[in-house]
C-alpha cells in the first residue's frame, strides 16, 4: 500500500514490539530534555501503548501510560481532564485491592500484638491500677475530642452531596447487591424494559460512576447480567432473560438489592416509584418525540428532494427502454469493477486478508422488521457469505468473525482481525428507525467509519448497534480512545467508506431504486481497536415496510454483495 498502509504497519509494529512489555524507560529518561520533534515522537509512542493496553485489557500498562500522557499533555499545554478522570477511576480500584490484601496480611500480626498487650496490661495493673485508670480516662477524652474534630471537619467537607460511586458488587443465588459510597436517593435510580421476540431486558440506570470493571457471577435471578458506564453520569445494569421476567430493586441507604421477589413492606413503595418513573418517562418521550420530529422535518424534506432528483435523472435515462438500458448499465458497472480489479495482480490479491463481520448473532437478534419475521442477524449473515464468495473468486483471502448463528463480543471481533493481520475490516448491519412514525420515511444505504459522532442520525445508528456493548469498555476509556485515534487511521477508513458507498450504490441501482444515506462518522464500538481501515455498512432499513423486503431478497443481496466486493477492489486499486 501507499503511505497510509506503511504508516499503519509502523503503528502496529511499535505497539507490538516497542511496548509489548510496557517499557517506558526511554520516555522517562529523555522526554523533558529532548527537542520538540523527538518529544512529539515519544508522545505518539505513549499513545500507541495506551491503545494496546485498552485492546488487551492490561490495567497496569493502561495506568502507566495514562500517567505519562498526562505529563506529556501538561508540557504541550493540552487539556487532560478526561485522562485524569480515567486515571482516578483506575487508582481507586487498585487502592481498594491493595487495602484488602494488606488487611489480610496484617491480621495475624495484629492478633499477636493484641495478646501481648493484654498480658502487659495485666501485669502493670497490679501495681499501678489507679494511675492506669486515670491515664486511660484522659486518653479516651483526648481521643474523643480528636474524633469529634475529625467528624466535624469531614461533615463540613461533605456538606455538598458526593457523586455516587459503585464500591462493590456482590452476588448470590437469589440477589445482586450494589454497594455505594453514600446513600442513594430514589430519583437516582431509574428502571425500564427492552424486549423482543427472543429476549427480555430489565434495565436499571444509576446516576453515578463505575470506577472499574467488577466480575459478575451469574446467579438465579437472571440468565445474563451486565454492568457498565453508559455515559459520564450513568451506570447501567441490564438483566437479560429469554422470557418475560421482573427484577425488583430495593434501596437500603448505601445499598441496592436486586431480586425477583420484593419484600412485602416495600412493594407498595416500589410500585409508587415505578408509576412515577413510568409517568416521567412517558412525558419525556412525548417531549423528545415532538422535538425530534420538528428537527427532522427539514432534513427529511431535503433528503427527499435529493432522492427525487437522483431518481428523476435515473428515470429519464431508463424511460425509453427500461430493460435494454438496465442491461447496459449492468455491463458498464461490471466493466468498471473489472477495471479496478484488474489493477491488482493475483499475487497482490492473495496477500490481502479481508475480515467480514456479520453483526449480532446468537441471542442478540439485532433489529426486527415491522412484522417481527425478519431478523437483522440472519440477513447480514447471508449478505456476508455472498460477499465472501465473490471476494474469494477474485483472489482475496476472506475470514469471518462468525460464520454461523452465534454471538461474539464487540471487542473480540476487531481483536480477531488484528490477530489475523487483516488488511480491511468490514462490519455488515441493517439499520432501524427509532420509532414507528419514522419507520415509513427512513431508508437507504449508509457507510460509517469510527469517529466521534457529529449528527443525531449517526448517533441513533451507533446507539442501536452498540446495545451489545453493555459489558464492554468503560465510558471514560471510550472517550480517551476516540481522542487518540490517529489521523491517518481515520483518513484511511474514510477513504474505504467512500469507495464502499459509491460501489454499493452503483451495483444496487442497476436494478433497484435506493436512497443514498451517505458516508457518515459515528462511535461504533465494534470498530474500536481495529489496526486496519475499518467500516460499518448499514445495507438498508429493516424497519422500512418496503426496504425490509428488499434486503431479505436473495437477488437484492447479490447486488449488495457485488457492491461490497467492488468497493474492496476500488480501495486497493487506489491505495496500493
Protein backbone atom coordinates (compact mmCIF):
# COMPACT_ATOMS: atom_id res chain seq x y z
CA UNK A 1 0.00 0.00 0.00
CA UNK A 2 0.95 3.64 -0.07
CA UNK A 3 1.90 5.94 2.76
CA UNK A 4 -1.25 5.14 4.73
CA UNK A 5 -0.60 1.38 4.75
CA UNK A 6 3.05 1.83 5.68
CA UNK A 7 2.08 4.18 8.48
CA UNK A 8 -0.49 1.70 9.85
CA UNK A 9 2.10 -1.08 9.65
CA UNK A 10 4.61 1.03 11.58
CA UNK A 11 1.99 1.76 14.26
CA UNK A 12 1.25 -1.96 14.59
CA UNK A 13 4.99 -2.69 14.82
CA UNK A 14 5.52 -0.02 17.50
CA UNK A 15 2.58 -1.30 19.51
CA UNK A 16 3.51 -4.99 19.35
CA UNK A 17 7.32 -4.71 19.67
CA UNK A 18 8.30 -1.47 21.39
CA UNK A 19 5.57 -1.53 24.02
CA UNK A 20 4.99 -5.26 24.21
CA UNK A 21 6.32 -5.29 27.76
CA UNK A 22 5.00 -1.81 28.60
CA UNK A 23 8.53 -0.32 28.72
CA UNK A 24 8.52 3.45 29.27
CA UNK A 25 12.20 3.85 30.18
CA UNK A 26 13.05 5.90 27.07
CA UNK A 27 10.16 8.31 27.75
CA UNK A 28 11.02 8.69 31.45
CA UNK A 29 14.69 9.32 30.70
CA UNK A 30 14.53 11.63 27.67
CA UNK A 31 11.13 13.34 27.33
CA UNK A 32 11.90 16.54 29.24
CA UNK A 33 15.42 17.04 27.87
CA UNK A 34 14.98 16.29 24.14
CA UNK A 35 13.87 18.70 21.41
CA UNK A 36 10.30 19.33 20.25
CA UNK A 37 10.37 16.85 17.33
CA UNK A 38 11.75 13.98 19.42
CA UNK A 39 9.37 14.86 22.25
CA UNK A 40 6.40 14.53 19.84
CA UNK A 41 7.66 11.10 18.76
CA UNK A 42 7.81 9.87 22.35
CA UNK A 43 4.33 11.28 22.99
CA UNK A 44 2.95 9.32 20.00
CA UNK A 45 4.57 6.11 21.25
CA UNK A 46 2.88 6.52 24.63
CA UNK A 47 -0.48 6.97 22.85
CA UNK A 48 0.14 3.73 20.95
CA UNK A 49 0.97 1.95 24.20
CA UNK A 50 -2.28 3.22 25.69
CA UNK A 51 -4.28 1.91 22.70
CA UNK A 52 -2.65 -1.53 23.04
CA UNK A 53 -3.38 -1.62 26.79
CA UNK A 54 -7.07 -0.93 26.08
CA UNK A 55 -7.27 -3.66 23.43
CA UNK A 56 -5.50 -6.21 25.70
CA UNK A 57 -7.30 -5.04 28.87
CA UNK A 58 -3.89 -4.55 30.57
CA UNK A 59 -4.76 -2.37 33.58
CA UNK A 60 -1.17 -1.85 34.81
CA UNK A 61 0.05 -0.74 31.38
CA UNK A 62 -3.03 1.46 30.95
CA UNK A 63 -2.37 3.21 34.28
CA UNK A 64 1.33 3.73 33.49
CA UNK A 65 0.63 5.09 30.00
CA UNK A 66 -2.11 7.42 31.32
CA UNK A 67 0.28 8.91 33.89
CA UNK A 68 2.82 9.68 31.17
CA UNK A 69 0.20 11.00 28.74
CA UNK A 70 -0.99 13.48 31.38
CA UNK A 71 2.63 14.51 32.00
CA UNK A 72 3.20 14.99 28.25
CA UNK A 73 -0.05 16.92 27.83
CA UNK A 74 0.98 19.29 30.62
CA UNK A 75 4.21 20.02 28.74
CA UNK A 76 2.32 20.60 25.47
CA UNK A 77 -0.41 22.64 27.19
CA UNK A 78 -3.14 20.14 26.25
CA UNK A 79 -6.26 19.57 28.42
CA UNK A 80 -6.08 16.20 30.26
CA UNK A 81 -9.45 16.32 32.07
CA UNK A 82 -10.78 13.04 30.58
CA UNK A 83 -7.46 11.23 31.09
CA UNK A 84 -7.32 12.32 34.74
CA UNK A 85 -10.86 11.03 35.33
CA UNK A 86 -9.94 7.66 33.90
CA UNK A 87 -6.69 7.50 35.89
CA UNK A 88 -8.59 8.37 39.07
CA UNK A 89 -11.06 5.54 38.48
CA UNK A 90 -8.19 3.06 37.94
CA UNK A 91 -6.28 4.31 41.01
CA UNK A 92 -9.33 3.92 43.25
CA UNK A 93 -9.83 0.34 42.10
CA UNK A 94 -6.13 -0.51 42.68
CA UNK A 95 -6.11 1.18 46.11
CA UNK A 96 -9.14 -0.82 47.18
CA UNK A 97 -7.48 -4.11 46.17
CA UNK A 98 -4.25 -3.13 47.94
CA UNK A 99 -6.13 -2.29 51.17
CA UNK A 100 -7.86 -5.67 51.10
CA UNK A 101 -4.53 -7.51 50.63
CA UNK A 102 -2.82 -5.52 53.42
CA UNK A 103 -5.70 -6.22 55.80
CA UNK A 104 -5.41 -9.96 55.16
CA UNK A 105 -1.62 -9.94 55.71
CA UNK A 106 -1.67 -7.80 58.84
CA UNK A 107 -4.46 -9.67 60.67
CA UNK A 108 -2.26 -12.39 62.30
CA UNK A 109 0.27 -9.79 63.50
CA UNK A 110 -2.49 -7.64 64.94
CA UNK A 111 -3.88 -10.59 66.88
CA UNK A 112 -0.46 -11.49 68.33
CA UNK A 113 0.29 -7.93 69.35
CA UNK A 114 -3.12 -7.68 70.98
CA UNK A 115 -2.46 -10.76 73.10
CA UNK A 116 0.94 -9.45 74.23
CA UNK A 117 -0.60 -6.11 75.05
CA UNK A 118 -3.20 -7.80 77.25
CA UNK A 119 -0.53 -9.63 79.24
CA UNK A 120 1.50 -6.47 79.80
CA UNK A 121 -1.60 -4.57 80.84
CA UNK A 122 -2.49 -7.21 83.46
CA UNK A 123 1.00 -7.08 84.98
CA UNK A 124 1.04 -3.31 85.14
CA UNK A 125 -2.49 -3.20 86.55
CA UNK A 126 -1.39 -4.99 89.74
CA UNK A 127 0.99 -2.20 90.74
CA UNK A 128 -0.46 0.95 89.19
CA UNK A 129 -4.19 0.37 88.84
CA UNK A 130 -5.29 3.86 89.86
CA UNK A 131 -2.73 5.61 87.66
CA UNK A 132 -3.67 3.49 84.65
CA UNK A 133 -7.35 4.26 85.09
CA UNK A 134 -6.79 7.99 85.28
CA UNK A 135 -4.45 7.97 82.28
CA UNK A 136 -6.88 5.83 80.31
CA UNK A 137 -9.68 8.25 81.11
CA UNK A 138 -7.56 11.17 79.93
CA UNK A 139 -6.54 9.29 76.76
CA UNK A 140 -10.16 8.42 75.98
CA UNK A 141 -11.17 12.02 76.42
CA UNK A 142 -8.39 13.22 74.11
CA UNK A 143 -9.27 10.61 71.50
CA UNK A 144 -12.93 11.52 71.75
CA UNK A 145 -12.09 15.18 71.16
CA UNK A 146 -9.93 14.30 68.14
CA UNK A 147 -12.64 12.07 66.67
CA UNK A 148 -15.23 14.80 67.15
CA UNK A 149 -12.94 17.33 65.45
CA UNK A 150 -12.38 14.94 62.52
CA UNK A 151 -16.07 14.23 62.16
CA UNK A 152 -16.84 17.95 62.30
CA UNK A 153 -14.25 18.71 59.63
CA UNK A 154 -15.42 15.83 57.45
CA UNK A 155 -19.03 16.99 57.77
CA UNK A 156 -18.07 20.44 56.51
CA UNK A 157 -16.20 18.99 53.54
CA UNK A 158 -19.08 16.67 52.72
CA UNK A 159 -21.80 19.28 53.08
CA UNK A 160 -22.38 19.05 49.33
CA UNK A 161 -23.62 15.62 48.11
CA UNK A 162 -20.91 13.42 46.59
CA UNK A 163 -21.25 11.79 43.21
CA UNK A 164 -22.49 8.24 43.59
CA UNK A 165 -19.78 5.62 43.08
CA UNK A 166 -20.11 1.86 42.90
CA UNK A 167 -17.75 0.40 45.52
CA UNK A 168 -18.60 -3.29 45.35
CA UNK A 169 -20.80 -5.78 43.51
CA UNK A 170 -21.93 -8.89 45.42
CA UNK A 171 -23.97 -11.79 44.11
CA UNK A 172 -25.63 -14.93 45.45
CA UNK A 173 -28.30 -17.34 44.22
CA UNK A 174 -31.23 -15.04 44.89
CA UNK A 175 -29.93 -11.48 44.60
CA UNK A 176 -27.40 -8.98 43.27
CA UNK A 177 -26.17 -6.26 45.65
CA UNK A 178 -24.58 -2.97 44.66
CA UNK A 179 -22.68 -1.16 47.44
CA UNK A 180 -22.28 2.62 47.06
CA UNK A 181 -20.18 5.37 48.65
CA UNK A 182 -23.24 7.19 50.04
CA UNK A 183 -26.99 6.90 50.50
CA UNK A 184 -28.83 6.78 47.18
CA UNK A 185 -31.96 8.86 46.56
CA UNK A 186 -35.00 7.38 44.82
CA UNK A 187 -34.66 9.74 41.86
CA UNK A 188 -31.10 8.49 41.25
CA UNK A 189 -32.37 5.05 40.23
CA UNK A 190 -34.49 4.61 37.10
CA UNK A 191 -35.94 1.48 35.53
CA UNK A 192 -37.33 0.46 32.14
CA UNK A 193 -37.61 -2.67 29.98
CA UNK A 194 -36.45 -3.58 26.46
CA UNK A 195 -37.98 -6.66 24.89
CA UNK A 196 -38.05 -8.56 21.62
CA UNK A 197 -39.27 -11.94 20.48
CA UNK A 198 -36.26 -13.80 21.90
CA UNK A 199 -35.18 -11.68 24.84
CA UNK A 200 -36.48 -9.60 27.75
CA UNK A 201 -34.26 -6.97 29.36
CA UNK A 202 -34.83 -5.26 32.71
CA UNK A 203 -32.65 -2.14 32.67
CA UNK A 204 -31.71 -0.04 35.71
CA UNK A 205 -29.84 3.28 35.41
CA UNK A 206 -27.97 4.65 38.44
CA UNK A 207 -26.90 8.30 38.39
CA UNK A 208 -23.28 7.67 39.30
CA UNK A 209 -19.85 6.38 38.31
CA UNK A 210 -18.44 2.86 37.89
CA UNK A 211 -14.72 3.25 38.74
CA UNK A 212 -13.68 -0.11 37.28
CA UNK A 213 -14.95 -3.44 35.99
CA UNK A 214 -16.42 -5.83 38.56
CA UNK A 215 -16.71 -9.59 37.97
CA UNK A 216 -20.41 -10.52 37.82
CA UNK A 217 -21.04 -14.14 38.83
CA UNK A 218 -24.16 -15.46 37.10
CA UNK A 219 -26.92 -16.35 39.55
CA UNK A 220 -30.52 -17.47 39.73
CA UNK A 221 -32.19 -14.09 39.23
CA UNK A 222 -31.26 -13.64 35.55
CA UNK A 223 -29.63 -15.56 32.68
CA UNK A 224 -27.29 -12.66 31.88
CA UNK A 225 -26.24 -9.67 33.99
CA UNK A 226 -24.17 -6.79 32.59
CA UNK A 227 -22.91 -3.63 34.32
CA UNK A 228 -21.19 -0.74 32.51
CA UNK A 229 -20.68 3.04 32.43
CA UNK A 230 -23.28 4.16 29.86
CA UNK A 231 -22.26 7.83 29.88
CA UNK A 232 -20.28 10.15 32.21
CA UNK A 233 -23.02 10.21 34.85
CA UNK A 234 -24.93 6.93 34.37
CA UNK A 235 -24.15 3.35 35.38
CA UNK A 236 -26.37 0.88 33.52
CA UNK A 237 -27.31 -2.58 34.85
CA UNK A 238 -29.01 -4.99 32.42
CA UNK A 239 -30.76 -8.22 33.44
CA UNK A 240 -31.47 -10.29 30.30
CA UNK A 241 -33.67 -13.38 30.02
CA UNK A 242 -35.26 -15.36 27.20
CA UNK A 243 -38.78 -14.86 28.60
CA UNK A 244 -40.60 -12.04 30.37
CA UNK A 245 -39.34 -11.55 33.92
CA UNK A 246 -39.49 -8.89 36.63
CA UNK A 247 -36.43 -7.78 38.58
CA UNK A 248 -37.13 -5.63 41.65
CA UNK A 249 -34.78 -3.08 43.23
CA UNK A 250 -34.79 -2.42 46.97
CA UNK A 251 -32.90 0.64 48.27
CA UNK A 252 -31.38 0.49 51.75
CA UNK A 253 -29.21 3.56 52.39
CA UNK A 254 -25.85 2.81 50.67
CA UNK A 255 -27.01 -0.45 49.13
CA UNK A 256 -29.29 -1.58 46.29
CA UNK A 257 -30.52 -5.16 46.25
CA UNK A 258 -31.88 -6.62 43.01
CA UNK A 259 -34.03 -9.75 43.20
CA UNK A 260 -37.07 -11.46 41.68
CA UNK A 261 -39.00 -11.19 44.94
CA UNK A 262 -39.71 -7.93 46.71
CA UNK A 263 -40.16 -7.63 50.47
CA UNK A 264 -43.84 -7.19 51.36
CA UNK A 265 -43.30 -3.99 53.32
CA UNK A 266 -41.62 -2.31 50.34
CA UNK A 267 -43.87 -3.48 47.49
CA UNK A 268 -46.30 -0.54 47.73
CA UNK A 269 -43.50 2.00 47.90
CA UNK A 270 -41.75 0.34 44.94
CA UNK A 271 -44.95 0.35 42.90
CA UNK A 272 -45.35 4.09 43.52
CA UNK A 273 -41.76 4.69 42.41
CA UNK A 274 -42.32 2.62 39.25
CA UNK A 275 -45.52 4.52 38.46
CA UNK A 276 -43.79 7.87 38.90
CA UNK A 277 -40.85 6.72 36.78
CA UNK A 278 -43.16 5.48 34.02
CA UNK A 279 -45.14 8.73 34.05
CA UNK A 280 -41.95 10.80 33.83
CA UNK A 281 -40.60 8.54 31.07
CA UNK A 282 -43.82 8.92 29.07
CA UNK A 283 -43.76 12.71 29.46
CA UNK A 284 -40.09 12.89 28.45
CA UNK A 285 -40.68 10.56 25.50
CA UNK A 286 -43.53 12.74 24.22
CA UNK A 287 -41.44 15.91 24.59
CA UNK A 288 -38.42 14.31 22.90
CA UNK A 289 -40.56 12.91 20.09
CA UNK A 290 -42.00 16.38 19.37
CA UNK A 291 -38.56 17.98 19.34
CA UNK A 292 -37.01 15.26 17.16
CA UNK A 293 -39.99 15.29 14.77
CA UNK A 294 -39.80 19.05 14.23
CA UNK A 295 -35.99 18.96 13.92
CA UNK A 296 -36.07 16.21 11.33
CA UNK A 297 -38.80 17.68 9.13
CA UNK A 298 -36.29 19.99 7.50
CA UNK A 299 -33.58 17.32 6.99
CA UNK A 300 -36.17 14.78 5.83
CA UNK A 301 -37.58 17.17 3.20
CA UNK A 302 -34.07 17.91 1.92
CA UNK A 303 -33.26 14.20 1.76
CA UNK A 304 -36.49 13.51 -0.15
CA UNK A 305 -35.71 16.28 -2.65
CA UNK A 306 -32.22 14.84 -3.18
CA UNK A 307 -33.58 11.32 -3.65
CA UNK A 308 -36.28 12.59 -6.03
CA UNK A 309 -33.70 14.49 -8.08
CA UNK A 310 -31.43 11.43 -8.30
CA UNK A 311 -34.31 9.11 -9.13
CA UNK A 312 -35.70 11.57 -11.73
CA UNK A 313 -32.33 11.58 -13.50
CA UNK A 314 -32.20 7.78 -13.40
CA UNK A 315 -35.81 7.55 -14.60
CA UNK A 316 -35.04 9.80 -17.58
CA UNK A 317 -32.17 7.51 -18.58
CA UNK A 318 -34.34 4.39 -18.30
CA UNK A 319 -37.62 5.91 -19.61
CA UNK A 320 -37.44 4.82 -23.27
CA UNK A 321 -36.26 1.18 -22.99
CA UNK A 322 -36.08 0.02 -19.37
CA UNK A 323 -34.78 -3.49 -19.99
CA UNK A 324 -32.03 -2.81 -22.57
CA UNK A 325 -30.75 0.30 -20.71
CA UNK A 326 -30.67 -1.62 -17.46
CA UNK A 327 -28.58 -4.37 -19.04
CA UNK A 328 -26.15 -1.82 -20.49
CA UNK A 329 -25.84 -0.17 -17.08
CA UNK A 330 -25.04 -3.53 -15.56
CA UNK A 331 -22.35 -4.10 -18.20
CA UNK A 332 -20.87 -0.66 -17.57
CA UNK A 333 -20.79 -1.32 -13.82
CA UNK A 334 -19.24 -4.73 -14.37
CA UNK A 335 -16.63 -3.24 -16.70
CA UNK A 336 -15.75 -0.54 -14.13
CA UNK A 337 -15.42 -3.12 -11.36
CA UNK A 338 -13.35 -5.37 -13.64
CA UNK A 339 -11.06 -2.44 -14.47
CA UNK A 340 -10.41 -1.79 -10.78
CA UNK A 341 -9.98 -5.48 -10.11
CA UNK A 342 -7.52 -5.88 -12.98
CA UNK A 343 -5.21 -3.27 -11.48
CA UNK A 344 -4.34 -5.84 -8.81
CA UNK A 345 -2.27 -8.90 -9.69
CA UNK A 346 -3.21 -12.34 -8.41
CA UNK A 347 -0.24 -12.22 -6.06
CA UNK A 348 -1.34 -8.86 -4.65
CA UNK A 349 -4.90 -10.06 -4.07
CA UNK A 350 -3.73 -13.29 -2.47
CA UNK A 351 -1.72 -11.26 0.04
CA UNK A 352 -4.76 -9.25 1.19
CA UNK A 353 -6.82 -10.53 4.13
CA UNK A 354 -10.39 -9.25 4.41
CA UNK A 355 -12.32 -9.84 7.65
CA UNK A 356 -16.11 -9.77 7.24
CA UNK A 357 -18.11 -9.19 10.40
CA UNK A 358 -21.84 -10.13 10.22
CA UNK A 359 -23.42 -8.09 13.04
CA UNK A 360 -25.15 -9.51 16.12
CA UNK A 361 -25.84 -13.30 16.27
CA UNK A 362 -26.99 -15.86 18.82
CA UNK A 363 -29.26 -14.36 21.48
CA UNK A 364 -28.63 -10.90 20.03
CA UNK A 365 -31.01 -10.88 17.03
CA UNK A 366 -30.39 -7.22 16.17
CA UNK A 367 -33.21 -5.14 14.70
CA UNK A 368 -36.53 -6.66 13.57
CA UNK A 369 -38.90 -5.88 10.71
CA UNK A 370 -42.33 -4.41 11.47
CA UNK A 371 -43.98 -7.85 11.32
CA UNK A 372 -41.18 -9.29 13.52
CA UNK A 373 -40.50 -12.04 10.97
CA UNK A 374 -37.24 -10.70 9.55
CA UNK A 375 -34.18 -10.55 11.82
CA UNK A 376 -31.08 -8.48 11.22
CA UNK A 377 -28.69 -11.24 12.31
CA UNK A 378 -29.96 -13.63 9.60
CA UNK A 379 -29.97 -11.12 6.73
CA UNK A 380 -26.46 -9.76 7.36
CA UNK A 381 -25.03 -13.29 7.66
CA UNK A 382 -26.45 -14.17 4.22
CA UNK A 383 -25.04 -10.98 2.66
CA UNK A 384 -21.65 -11.64 4.29
CA UNK A 385 -21.49 -15.17 2.88
CA UNK A 386 -22.38 -13.97 -0.62
CA UNK A 387 -19.72 -11.23 -0.34
CA UNK A 388 -17.11 -13.77 0.81
CA UNK A 389 -17.79 -15.99 -2.21
CA UNK A 390 -17.22 -13.08 -4.63
CA UNK A 391 -14.06 -11.91 -2.87
CA UNK A 392 -12.61 -15.43 -2.87
CA UNK A 393 -13.37 -15.77 -6.58
CA UNK A 394 -11.38 -12.58 -7.15
CA UNK A 395 -8.40 -14.00 -5.27
CA UNK A 396 -8.66 -12.43 -1.80
CA UNK A 397 -8.30 -14.31 1.46
CA UNK A 398 -11.54 -13.91 3.46
CA UNK A 399 -12.19 -14.61 7.15
CA UNK A 400 -15.40 -14.36 9.22
CA UNK A 401 -15.82 -13.16 12.80
CA UNK A 402 -18.84 -15.51 12.78
CA UNK A 403 -19.99 -17.87 10.03
CA UNK A 404 -22.99 -19.24 11.91
CA UNK A 405 -25.65 -18.12 14.40
CA UNK A 406 -23.57 -17.31 17.48
CA UNK A 407 -22.79 -14.14 19.43
CA UNK A 408 -19.31 -12.62 19.52
CA UNK A 409 -18.36 -9.77 21.87
CA UNK A 410 -17.73 -6.47 20.10
CA UNK A 411 -14.09 -6.09 21.08
CA UNK A 412 -13.38 -9.74 20.27
CA UNK A 413 -14.33 -9.06 16.65
CA UNK A 414 -11.62 -6.48 15.95
CA UNK A 415 -9.15 -8.39 18.15
CA UNK A 416 -9.67 -11.36 15.82
CA UNK A 417 -8.93 -9.14 12.79
CA UNK A 418 -5.78 -7.79 14.46
CA UNK A 419 -4.55 -11.28 15.36
CA UNK A 420 -5.01 -12.45 11.76
CA UNK A 421 -3.16 -9.43 10.36
CA UNK A 422 -6.18 -8.33 8.31
CA UNK A 423 -5.87 -5.51 5.78
CA UNK A 424 -9.56 -4.49 5.92
CA UNK A 425 -12.35 -4.94 8.48
CA UNK A 426 -15.94 -4.71 7.16
CA UNK A 427 -18.85 -4.98 9.60
CA UNK A 428 -22.25 -5.57 7.95
CA UNK A 429 -25.52 -4.49 9.61
CA UNK A 430 -29.12 -3.47 8.87
CA UNK A 431 -30.43 -0.19 10.26
CA UNK A 432 -33.75 0.59 12.01
CA UNK A 433 -35.73 3.76 12.64
CA UNK A 434 -36.04 4.92 16.28
CA UNK A 435 -39.88 4.75 16.22
CA UNK A 436 -42.88 3.67 14.11
CA UNK A 437 -43.56 7.19 12.82
CA UNK A 438 -40.11 7.45 11.22
CA UNK A 439 -40.07 3.83 10.04
CA UNK A 440 -42.01 4.73 6.89
CA UNK A 441 -39.64 7.52 5.83
CA UNK A 442 -36.14 6.42 6.91
CA UNK A 443 -34.42 4.23 4.29
CA UNK A 444 -31.23 3.88 2.27
CA UNK A 445 -27.69 2.54 2.34
CA UNK A 446 -25.13 4.14 4.68
CA UNK A 447 -21.45 3.51 5.34
CA UNK A 448 -19.83 4.54 8.64
CA UNK A 449 -16.27 4.86 9.89
CA UNK A 450 -15.15 5.25 13.50
CA UNK A 451 -15.07 8.80 14.84
CA UNK A 452 -16.93 10.93 17.41
CA UNK A 453 -20.48 11.47 16.13
CA UNK A 454 -21.45 14.79 14.55
CA UNK A 455 -25.12 14.20 13.78
CA UNK A 456 -28.22 12.89 15.52
CA UNK A 457 -28.88 10.31 12.80
CA UNK A 458 -25.34 8.90 13.13
CA UNK A 459 -25.68 8.78 16.91
CA UNK A 460 -29.03 6.94 16.66
CA UNK A 461 -27.46 4.32 14.36
CA UNK A 462 -24.47 3.90 16.69
CA UNK A 463 -26.67 3.53 19.78
CA UNK A 464 -28.70 0.83 18.03
CA UNK A 465 -25.65 -1.25 17.13
CA UNK A 466 -23.89 -0.59 20.47
CA UNK A 467 -26.64 -2.29 22.55
CA UNK A 468 -24.47 -5.38 22.90
CA UNK A 469 -21.71 -3.15 24.30
CA UNK A 470 -23.12 -3.02 27.84
CA UNK A 471 -20.29 -5.07 29.31
CA UNK A 472 -17.50 -3.62 27.18
CA UNK A 473 -15.25 -0.57 27.71
CA UNK A 474 -15.76 1.95 30.48
CA UNK A 475 -17.17 5.26 29.21
CA UNK A 476 -14.05 7.25 30.12
CA UNK A 477 -11.84 4.73 28.30
CA UNK A 478 -14.03 5.09 25.21
CA UNK A 479 -13.65 8.87 25.21
CA UNK A 480 -9.87 8.65 25.64
CA UNK A 481 -9.60 6.01 22.92
CA UNK A 482 -11.50 8.16 20.40
CA UNK A 483 -9.26 11.11 21.21
CA UNK A 484 -6.17 9.01 20.45
CA UNK A 485 -7.34 7.65 17.09
CA UNK A 486 -4.55 8.73 14.80
CA UNK A 487 -5.40 10.99 11.90
CA UNK A 488 -4.00 8.54 9.31
CA UNK A 489 -6.25 5.71 10.51
CA UNK A 490 -9.35 7.90 10.30
CA UNK A 491 -8.39 9.08 6.80
CA UNK A 492 -7.80 5.50 5.60
CA UNK A 493 -11.16 4.34 6.99
CA UNK A 494 -12.88 7.39 5.49
CA UNK A 495 -11.42 6.57 2.05
CA UNK A 496 -12.59 2.97 2.35
CA UNK A 497 -16.08 4.17 3.36
CA UNK A 498 -16.28 6.49 0.33
CA UNK A 499 -15.26 3.74 -2.13
CA UNK A 500 -17.60 1.26 -0.45
CA UNK A 501 -20.64 3.58 -0.53
CA UNK A 502 -20.09 4.51 -4.20
CA UNK A 503 -19.66 0.89 -5.27
CA UNK A 504 -22.74 -0.25 -3.33
CA UNK A 505 -24.98 2.41 -4.88
CA UNK A 506 -23.64 1.71 -8.37
CA UNK A 507 -24.26 -2.04 -8.02
CA UNK A 508 -27.72 -1.86 -6.41
CA UNK A 509 -29.05 0.92 -8.67
CA UNK A 510 -28.58 -1.20 -11.78
CA UNK A 511 -31.81 -2.98 -10.90
CA UNK A 512 -33.38 -1.18 -7.94
CA UNK A 513 -34.16 2.26 -6.58
CA UNK A 514 -32.29 3.03 -3.38
CA UNK A 515 -31.58 6.17 -1.33
CA UNK A 516 -28.03 7.33 -0.67
CA UNK A 517 -27.66 7.68 3.10
CA UNK A 518 -24.10 8.88 2.56
CA UNK A 519 -20.78 8.31 4.29
CA UNK A 520 -21.01 9.12 7.98
CA UNK A 521 -18.84 9.07 11.08
CA UNK A 522 -20.06 7.64 14.39
CA UNK A 523 -18.69 5.88 17.52
CA UNK A 524 -19.45 2.25 16.65
CA UNK A 525 -17.61 0.25 19.30
CA UNK A 526 -17.35 -2.82 17.08
CA UNK A 527 -14.74 -0.79 15.12
CA UNK A 528 -12.76 0.21 18.22
CA UNK A 529 -9.33 -1.42 18.35
CA UNK A 530 -9.05 -2.21 14.63
CA UNK A 531 -5.48 -1.55 13.49
CA UNK A 532 -6.52 -1.54 9.82
CA UNK A 533 -9.01 0.55 7.78
CA UNK A 534 -12.45 -0.41 9.13
CA UNK A 535 -16.04 0.43 8.16
CA UNK A 536 -19.56 -0.48 9.20
CA UNK A 537 -22.15 -0.82 6.40
CA UNK A 538 -25.88 -0.38 7.04
CA UNK A 539 -27.28 -2.22 3.99
CA UNK A 540 -30.78 -0.75 4.47
CA UNK A 541 -33.56 -0.16 6.98
CA UNK A 542 -35.18 -3.36 8.21
CA UNK A 543 -37.85 -1.20 9.86
CA UNK A 544 -38.99 0.21 6.47
CA UNK A 545 -42.00 -1.73 5.05
CA UNK A 546 -40.56 -1.96 1.50
CA UNK A 547 -36.81 -1.90 2.10
CA UNK A 548 -37.04 -4.74 4.64
CA UNK A 549 -38.40 -6.99 1.88
CA UNK A 550 -35.62 -5.93 -0.47
CA UNK A 551 -32.72 -6.67 1.87
CA UNK A 552 -34.25 -10.08 2.64
CA UNK A 553 -34.48 -10.87 -1.11
CA UNK A 554 -31.69 -13.14 -2.44
CA UNK A 555 -31.23 -11.22 -5.72
CA UNK A 556 -31.03 -7.89 -3.91
CA UNK A 557 -28.47 -9.44 -1.55
CA UNK A 558 -26.43 -10.46 -4.62
CA UNK A 559 -26.28 -6.81 -5.71
CA UNK A 560 -25.25 -5.76 -2.20
CA UNK A 561 -22.52 -8.41 -2.10
CA UNK A 562 -21.20 -7.33 -5.50
CA UNK A 563 -21.15 -3.71 -4.37
CA UNK A 564 -19.09 -4.56 -1.27
CA UNK A 565 -16.65 -6.67 -3.32
CA UNK A 566 -16.32 -3.85 -5.89
CA UNK A 567 -15.67 -1.40 -3.05
CA UNK A 568 -12.77 -3.55 -1.86
CA UNK A 569 -11.33 -3.59 -5.41
CA UNK A 570 -11.71 0.17 -5.75
CA UNK A 571 -9.98 0.86 -2.44
CA UNK A 572 -6.96 -1.34 -3.13
CA UNK A 573 -6.70 -0.06 -6.72
CA UNK A 574 -6.28 3.48 -5.37
CA UNK A 575 -4.17 2.66 -2.31
CA UNK A 576 -1.54 0.14 -3.39
